[in-house]
Amino acid sequence: MFGVIRPCRHGLDEGQQAAWLAHLCGLCLALRGDHGQFARVVTNYDGIVVSVLTEAQSPRRDGLRRTAGPCPLRGMRTARVARGEGARLAAAVSLVLASAKVRDHVADGDGVLARRPVAVAARRVAAGWDRAGTRTGAELGFDTGTLTAAVDRQPLVEAATGPGGSLLAVTEPTETATAAALAHTAVLAGRPGNAGPLAEAGRLFGRLAHLLDAVEDLAADRRSGAWNPVAVTGAPLPEVRRLCDDAVHGVRLALREVEFADAGGAALAHRLLVHELRHAVDRAFAAGQFGPPPYPPPGSDRRRGPVAGCAVWTGLFCTGQTCCRKEYRDPWRGRRRKGWCRGKSDGCCECGECCGCCN
């Protein structure tokens, strides 16, 4: 589910750009600080939402930033980065979900993980991430068992789903996991009244992430015979699009019920969870209906494993290559992808034309 929210610097004002980068670097450094350098490969855009929401609800404004030292991904510049419980919760959630993703790839024997020595090493990495995320979650009062139970339930749900089955039954485990993560930001911020609407926003965000992943992979999964909920249930794309549009609308309504303490943080949360989700739906259905050309060619074996892919994704994200380059390669499948700011089809640079969701 990583990578649904892909904010473009052209769609953020100067303050939002600085805040977004502060949360991105804060998540990365929280992973390093609590769990070591290698854990930074699970840094992801979607996890930043946890940090953004926690800070935006917090009535305390002091101590939310610190100055981080030079980093190659920032051109060896220092930066003011987010710190505190929000960044740590984002790190814990990212580790646990990345661990589950690795275990899933190992179970499926994807790519190099079909080789026993690599699979054994990947399992050890996943187990370490799981323990680390659980430990940090416990320190923050968050039971990561909710996430792992949801992930473990997913294969059972998929096995019980066939033609004509419910897409929402398939997305339920993801919805449950993301609802728990976003609801806990209210606990950390000392605003328990926000837990309900944030759980609803998280549930719909999880639904959207699962469906968009299925739509984007639909053409490739049909070629390879991989399990895909849209293909298995036979759901028509217009119906899937309706579910996605309804989820974006529901997230917007849920955010209206959240009591924020910081107007700037609330604006950034709205930008990420309303505007960017709308753009994500447009991108996914453009790719899902027409399908990018397959790469590498059928029969070749150039796919990266999940660990190597995560590492390359981190570099692409943090250096802005996925946003402002005309074209880049998907680190896992090697597909050609358009940079998110290139061309009006992505909607990225049309943010000046109000989508009406603020009215």
Protein backbone atom coordinates (compact mmCIF):
# COMPACT_ATOMS: atom_id res chain seq x y z
CA MET A 1 0.00 0.00 0.00
CA PHE A 2 3.04 2.28 -0.02
CA GLY A 3 3.09 5.12 -2.54
CA VAL A 4 -0.58 6.08 -2.91
CA ILE A 5 0.05 9.65 -1.76
CA ARG A 6 2.59 11.28 -4.05
CA PRO A 7 2.67 14.99 -3.29
CA CYS A 8 4.09 17.23 -5.98
CA ARG A 9 6.08 20.31 -5.00
CA HIS A 10 4.06 22.31 -7.54
CA GLY A 11 0.88 21.54 -5.60
CA LEU A 12 2.26 22.63 -2.22
CA ASP A 13 2.91 26.17 -1.10
CA GLU A 14 6.29 27.02 0.39
CA GLY A 15 5.24 26.28 3.95
CA GLN A 16 3.66 22.96 2.99
CA GLN A 17 6.76 21.94 1.05
CA ALA A 18 8.92 22.59 4.09
CA ALA A 19 6.52 20.75 6.40
CA TRP A 20 6.20 17.78 4.05
CA LEU A 21 9.98 17.44 3.78
CA ALA A 22 10.28 17.78 7.56
CA HIS A 23 7.92 14.83 8.04
CA LEU A 24 9.59 12.75 5.32
CA CYS A 25 13.03 13.25 6.83
CA GLY A 26 11.61 12.85 10.32
CA LEU A 27 10.23 9.41 9.46
CA CYS A 28 13.51 8.38 7.85
CA LEU A 29 15.54 9.53 10.86
CA ALA A 30 13.12 7.97 13.34
CA LEU A 31 13.65 4.66 11.58
CA ARG A 32 17.40 5.10 11.76
CA GLY A 33 17.41 6.32 15.35
CA ASP A 34 15.27 3.53 16.77
CA HIS A 35 16.06 0.68 14.42
CA GLY A 36 19.34 1.26 12.58
CA GLN A 37 20.43 2.43 9.14
CA PHE A 38 18.94 -0.44 7.15
CA ALA A 39 15.45 0.24 8.49
CA ARG A 40 15.43 3.49 6.48
CA VAL A 41 14.60 1.50 3.33
CA VAL A 42 10.97 1.33 4.49
CA THR A 43 10.59 5.13 4.39
CA ASN A 44 7.43 5.80 2.40
CA TYR A 45 5.11 8.66 1.51
CA ASP A 46 1.96 7.08 2.93
CA GLY A 47 3.51 6.65 6.37
CA ILE A 48 4.13 10.38 6.56
CA VAL A 49 0.38 10.92 6.98
CA VAL A 50 0.62 9.41 10.49
CA SER A 51 3.26 11.97 11.46
CA VAL A 52 1.39 14.86 9.82
CA LEU A 53 -1.89 14.04 11.57
CA THR A 54 -0.26 13.63 14.98
CA GLU A 55 1.47 17.00 14.76
CA ALA A 56 -1.56 18.81 13.32
CA GLN A 57 -3.69 17.74 16.30
CA SER A 58 -1.09 18.48 18.95
CA PRO A 59 -1.74 21.60 21.06
CA ARG A 60 1.95 21.70 21.97
CA ARG A 61 4.02 23.56 19.36
CA ASP A 62 7.45 23.53 21.02
CA GLY A 63 9.88 20.69 20.42
CA LEU A 64 8.20 19.49 17.23
CA ARG A 65 11.27 20.16 15.07
CA ARG A 66 15.00 19.63 15.33
CA THR A 67 17.88 20.40 13.03
CA ALA A 68 19.21 17.33 11.24
CA GLY A 69 22.71 17.12 9.85
CA PRO A 70 23.67 17.05 6.16
CA CYS A 71 22.22 14.20 4.10
CA PRO A 72 23.16 13.12 0.54
CA LEU A 73 19.47 12.94 -0.36
CA ARG A 74 19.12 16.61 0.54
CA GLY A 75 22.21 17.64 -1.40
CA MET A 76 24.30 17.54 1.82
CA ARG A 77 22.18 20.28 3.38
CA THR A 78 20.90 20.45 6.93
CA ALA A 79 17.16 20.65 7.51
CA ARG A 80 14.53 21.16 10.17
CA VAL A 81 12.82 17.78 10.59
CA ALA A 82 9.82 16.45 12.51
CA ARG A 83 10.49 14.72 15.77
CA GLY A 84 8.51 13.03 18.49
CA GLU A 85 5.78 10.46 18.83
CA GLY A 86 4.15 11.02 15.44
CA ALA A 87 7.35 10.21 13.55
CA ARG A 88 7.98 7.20 15.79
CA LEU A 89 4.46 5.85 15.27
CA ALA A 90 4.88 6.29 11.51
CA ALA A 91 8.14 4.34 11.75
CA ALA A 92 6.55 1.51 13.74
CA VAL A 93 3.62 1.18 11.33
CA SER A 94 5.93 1.29 8.30
CA LEU A 95 8.18 -1.44 9.72
CA VAL A 96 5.35 -3.80 10.59
CA LEU A 97 3.61 -3.40 7.22
CA ALA A 98 6.90 -3.70 5.30
CA SER A 99 7.66 -6.87 7.26
CA ALA A 100 4.30 -8.31 6.25
CA LYS A 101 4.92 -7.37 2.61
CA VAL A 102 8.29 -9.13 2.60
CA ARG A 103 6.77 -12.26 4.15
CA ASP A 104 4.05 -12.21 1.50
CA HIS A 105 6.62 -12.01 -1.31
CA VAL A 106 8.59 -14.86 0.25
CA ALA A 107 5.47 -17.02 0.52
CA ASP A 108 4.69 -16.34 -3.14
CA GLY A 109 8.28 -17.03 -4.21
CA ASP A 110 8.50 -13.75 -6.10
CA GLY A 111 11.65 -13.11 -8.13
CA VAL A 112 14.91 -13.86 -6.34
CA LEU A 113 12.93 -14.81 -3.23
CA ALA A 114 12.21 -18.15 -4.90
CA ARG A 115 15.83 -19.00 -4.04
CA ARG A 116 16.08 -20.55 -0.59
CA PRO A 117 19.14 -18.62 0.72
CA VAL A 118 17.60 -15.29 -0.28
CA ALA A 119 14.24 -16.27 1.19
CA VAL A 120 15.85 -17.23 4.50
CA ALA A 121 17.66 -13.88 4.69
CA ALA A 122 14.48 -11.99 3.81
CA ARG A 123 12.54 -13.80 6.55
CA ARG A 124 15.16 -12.79 9.08
CA VAL A 125 14.97 -9.16 7.98
CA ALA A 126 11.16 -9.25 8.15
CA ALA A 127 11.22 -10.82 11.62
CA GLY A 128 13.61 -8.12 12.82
CA TRP A 129 11.39 -5.36 11.44
CA ASP A 130 8.36 -6.97 13.06
CA ARG A 131 10.01 -7.07 16.49
CA ALA A 132 11.30 -3.52 16.14
CA GLY A 133 7.93 -2.13 15.07
CA THR A 134 6.16 -4.00 17.87
CA ARG A 135 8.62 -2.66 20.45
CA THR A 136 8.23 0.95 19.34
CA GLY A 137 4.47 0.58 19.08
CA ALA A 138 4.30 -0.70 22.65
CA GLU A 139 6.33 2.28 23.87
CA LEU A 140 3.71 4.53 22.25
CA GLY A 141 0.74 2.58 23.57
CA PHE A 142 -0.10 1.19 20.13
CA ASP A 143 -0.81 -2.52 19.69
CA THR A 144 0.77 -3.48 16.38
CA GLY A 145 -0.93 -6.85 16.75
CA THR A 146 -3.94 -5.18 15.11
CA LEU A 147 -1.84 -4.68 11.99
CA THR A 148 -0.30 -8.14 11.92
CA ALA A 149 -3.65 -9.83 12.58
CA ALA A 150 -5.18 -7.92 9.68
CA VAL A 151 -2.31 -8.84 7.38
CA ASP A 152 -2.44 -12.49 8.43
CA ARG A 153 -6.19 -12.52 7.72
CA GLN A 154 -5.74 -11.29 4.15
CA PRO A 155 -4.81 -14.65 2.53
CA LEU A 156 -7.83 -16.30 4.14
CA VAL A 157 -10.13 -13.60 2.79
CA GLU A 158 -8.63 -13.92 -0.68
CA ALA A 159 -8.96 -17.72 -0.64
CA ALA A 160 -12.68 -17.36 0.12
CA THR A 161 -13.26 -14.86 -2.70
CA GLY A 162 -14.32 -15.91 -6.18
CA PRO A 163 -16.23 -14.61 -9.20
CA GLY A 164 -18.96 -12.24 -8.13
CA GLY A 165 -17.40 -11.84 -4.70
CA SER A 166 -17.30 -8.61 -2.74
CA LEU A 167 -14.38 -6.26 -3.27
CA LEU A 168 -15.05 -4.70 0.12
CA ALA A 169 -14.61 -8.07 1.82
CA VAL A 170 -11.15 -8.27 0.25
CA THR A 171 -10.17 -4.76 1.35
CA GLU A 172 -11.41 -5.18 4.94
CA PRO A 173 -8.05 -6.26 6.48
CA THR A 174 -6.27 -3.27 4.94
CA GLU A 175 -9.07 -0.98 6.10
CA THR A 176 -8.79 -2.30 9.66
CA ALA A 177 -5.01 -1.81 9.78
CA THR A 178 -5.01 1.75 8.47
CA ALA A 179 -7.99 2.72 10.65
CA ALA A 180 -6.09 1.62 13.77
CA ALA A 181 -2.95 3.54 12.79
CA LEU A 182 -4.72 6.84 12.04
CA ALA A 183 -6.98 6.60 15.09
CA HIS A 184 -3.96 6.28 17.37
CA THR A 185 -2.66 9.66 16.22
CA ALA A 186 -5.56 11.16 18.20
CA VAL A 187 -4.42 9.30 21.31
CA LEU A 188 -0.85 10.55 20.93
CA ALA A 189 -2.05 14.12 20.44
CA GLY A 190 -4.29 13.97 23.50
CA ARG A 191 -7.49 14.39 21.47
CA PRO A 192 -9.45 11.15 21.98
CA GLY A 193 -12.55 12.73 20.44
CA ASN A 194 -10.78 12.65 17.07
CA ALA A 195 -10.26 8.89 17.16
CA GLY A 196 -13.63 8.09 15.57
CA PRO A 197 -13.43 10.31 12.48
CA LEU A 198 -9.75 9.47 11.99
CA ALA A 199 -10.53 5.76 12.17
CA GLU A 200 -13.14 6.34 9.45
CA ALA A 201 -10.65 8.30 7.34
CA GLY A 202 -8.09 5.53 7.84
CA ARG A 203 -10.58 2.82 6.92
CA LEU A 204 -11.46 4.54 3.66
CA PHE A 205 -7.80 5.32 2.95
CA GLY A 206 -7.00 1.61 3.36
CA ARG A 207 -9.83 0.68 1.01
CA LEU A 208 -8.58 3.15 -1.56
CA ALA A 209 -4.96 2.00 -1.29
CA HIS A 210 -5.95 -1.63 -1.81
CA LEU A 211 -8.20 -0.92 -4.77
CA LEU A 212 -5.75 1.42 -6.50
CA ASP A 213 -2.97 -1.15 -6.13
CA ALA A 214 -5.24 -3.72 -7.75
CA VAL A 215 -6.19 -1.40 -10.61
CA GLU A 216 -2.61 -0.35 -11.34
CA ASP A 217 -1.47 -4.00 -11.42
CA LEU A 218 -4.49 -5.36 -13.27
CA ALA A 219 -2.95 -5.67 -16.73
CA ALA A 220 0.29 -7.19 -15.43
CA ASP A 221 -1.54 -9.59 -13.10
CA ARG A 222 -3.74 -10.79 -15.92
CA ARG A 223 -0.66 -11.55 -18.02
CA SER A 224 1.13 -13.34 -15.21
CA GLY A 225 -1.90 -15.03 -13.66
CA ALA A 226 -1.26 -13.40 -10.28
CA TRP A 227 -4.19 -13.02 -7.87
CA ASN A 228 -5.94 -9.69 -8.30
CA PRO A 229 -9.24 -8.85 -6.58
CA VAL A 230 -10.64 -6.92 -9.54
CA ALA A 231 -9.87 -9.76 -11.95
CA VAL A 232 -11.03 -12.53 -9.58
CA THR A 233 -14.35 -10.92 -8.65
CA GLY A 234 -14.99 -9.71 -12.18
CA ALA A 235 -15.87 -6.25 -10.91
CA PRO A 236 -16.24 -3.77 -13.80
CA LEU A 237 -13.81 -0.86 -13.69
CA PRO A 238 -16.59 1.76 -13.55
CA GLU A 239 -17.83 0.16 -10.33
CA VAL A 240 -14.30 0.06 -8.89
CA ARG A 241 -13.91 3.73 -9.82
CA ARG A 242 -17.16 4.54 -8.02
CA LEU A 243 -15.90 2.83 -4.87
CA CYS A 244 -12.66 4.82 -5.07
CA ASP A 245 -14.42 8.14 -5.64
CA ASP A 246 -16.77 7.40 -2.73
CA ALA A 247 -13.75 6.65 -0.52
CA VAL A 248 -12.10 9.99 -1.36
CA HIS A 249 -15.37 11.78 -0.61
CA GLY A 250 -15.69 9.89 2.68
CA VAL A 251 -12.15 10.83 3.74
CA ARG A 252 -12.94 14.49 3.08
CA LEU A 253 -16.10 14.30 5.20
CA ALA A 254 -14.29 12.50 8.02
CA LEU A 255 -11.55 15.14 8.14
CA ARG A 256 -14.21 17.82 8.62
CA GLU A 257 -15.03 16.19 11.96
CA VAL A 258 -11.42 16.27 13.21
CA GLU A 259 -10.42 18.99 15.64
CA PHE A 260 -6.99 20.27 14.62
CA ALA A 261 -4.78 22.50 16.73
CA ASP A 262 -2.64 23.86 13.90
CA ALA A 263 -4.11 25.45 10.78
CA GLY A 264 -1.00 24.82 8.71
CA GLY A 265 -0.88 21.17 9.69
CA ALA A 266 -4.60 20.80 8.98
CA ALA A 267 -4.08 22.29 5.50
CA LEU A 268 -1.24 19.87 4.77
CA ALA A 269 -3.32 16.91 6.00
CA HIS A 270 -6.17 18.04 3.75
CA ARG A 271 -3.81 18.42 0.79
CA LEU A 272 -2.43 14.90 1.27
CA LEU A 273 -5.64 13.08 2.15
CA VAL A 274 -8.07 14.83 -0.20
CA HIS A 275 -6.32 16.50 -3.15
CA GLU A 276 -3.55 13.91 -3.52
CA LEU A 277 -5.92 10.96 -3.12
CA ARG A 278 -8.07 12.40 -5.90
CA HIS A 279 -5.00 12.62 -8.13
CA ALA A 280 -4.05 9.05 -7.14
CA VAL A 281 -7.42 7.78 -8.38
CA ASP A 282 -6.97 9.58 -11.71
CA ARG A 283 -3.45 8.17 -12.14
CA ALA A 284 -4.41 4.62 -11.26
CA PHE A 285 -7.35 4.41 -13.63
CA ALA A 286 -5.34 5.95 -16.46
CA ALA A 287 -2.75 3.20 -15.97
CA GLY A 288 -5.22 0.45 -15.14
CA GLN A 289 -7.38 0.86 -18.25
CA PHE A 290 -4.65 1.23 -20.79
CA GLY A 291 -1.79 -0.49 -19.02
CA PRO A 292 1.87 0.53 -19.31
CA PRO A 293 3.99 -1.52 -21.70
CA PRO A 294 5.44 -4.58 -19.98
CA TYR A 295 9.10 -4.33 -18.96
CA PRO A 296 11.21 -6.36 -18.79
CA PRO A 297 10.09 -8.48 -21.73
CA PRO A 298 8.11 -11.63 -20.88
CA GLY A 299 10.40 -14.50 -19.94
CA SER A 300 13.20 -12.32 -18.57
CA ASP A 301 14.10 -12.28 -14.87
CA ARG A 302 15.11 -8.75 -13.97
CA ARG A 303 12.70 -8.04 -11.14
CA ARG A 304 14.16 -6.82 -7.88
CA GLY A 305 13.20 -8.42 -4.61
CA PRO A 306 11.18 -6.39 -2.07
CA VAL A 307 14.18 -5.33 0.02
CA ALA A 308 16.23 -4.11 -2.94
CA GLY A 309 13.13 -2.53 -4.45
CA CYS A 310 12.38 -0.63 -1.23
CA ALA A 311 15.93 0.68 -1.17
CA VAL A 312 15.72 1.95 -4.74
CA TRP A 313 12.27 3.45 -4.17
CA THR A 314 13.64 5.38 -1.21
CA GLY A 315 16.34 6.91 -3.37
CA LEU A 316 13.90 7.77 -6.17
CA PHE A 317 11.40 9.36 -3.79
CA CYS A 318 13.86 11.37 -1.72
CA THR A 319 15.76 12.72 -4.72
CA GLY A 320 12.55 13.77 -6.48
CA GLN A 321 13.13 11.56 -9.53
CA THR A 322 9.62 10.12 -9.41
CA CYS A 323 8.16 13.61 -9.34
CA CYS A 324 10.08 15.78 -11.75
CA ARG A 325 11.81 13.46 -14.21
CA LYS A 326 10.06 12.90 -17.51
CA GLU A 327 10.32 9.14 -17.07
CA TYR A 328 11.72 6.65 -14.58
CA ARG A 329 11.75 2.89 -14.05
CA ASP A 330 9.61 1.11 -11.47
CA PRO A 331 12.28 -0.42 -9.16
CA TRP A 332 10.42 -3.72 -8.74
CA ARG A 333 8.90 -4.48 -12.12
CA GLY A 334 11.10 -2.27 -14.27
CA ARG A 335 8.12 -0.66 -15.98
CA ARG A 336 8.46 2.75 -17.55
CA ARG A 337 6.62 5.35 -15.47
CA LYS A 338 5.93 9.02 -16.17
CA GLY A 339 7.23 11.54 -13.67
CA TRP A 340 4.26 12.77 -11.64
CA CYS A 341 4.71 16.40 -12.65
CA ARG A 342 5.14 15.68 -16.36
CA GLY A 343 2.00 16.23 -18.33
CA LYS A 344 -1.47 17.32 -17.39
CA SER A 345 -2.80 13.76 -17.48
CA ASP A 346 -1.61 13.16 -13.93
CA GLY A 347 -3.37 16.28 -12.67
CA CYS A 348 -0.33 17.04 -10.53
CA CYS A 349 0.33 20.52 -11.76
CA GLU A 350 -3.32 21.50 -12.10
CA CYS A 351 -3.63 22.07 -8.36
CA GLY A 352 -4.17 25.77 -8.97
CA GLU A 353 -7.48 24.85 -10.54
CA CYS A 354 -9.51 24.21 -7.40
CA CYS A 355 -11.08 20.77 -7.31
CA GLY A 356 -13.92 22.15 -5.22
CA CYS A 357 -13.23 19.88 -2.27
CA CYS A 358 -12.58 22.85 0.00
CA ASN A 359 -15.96 24.45 -0.66
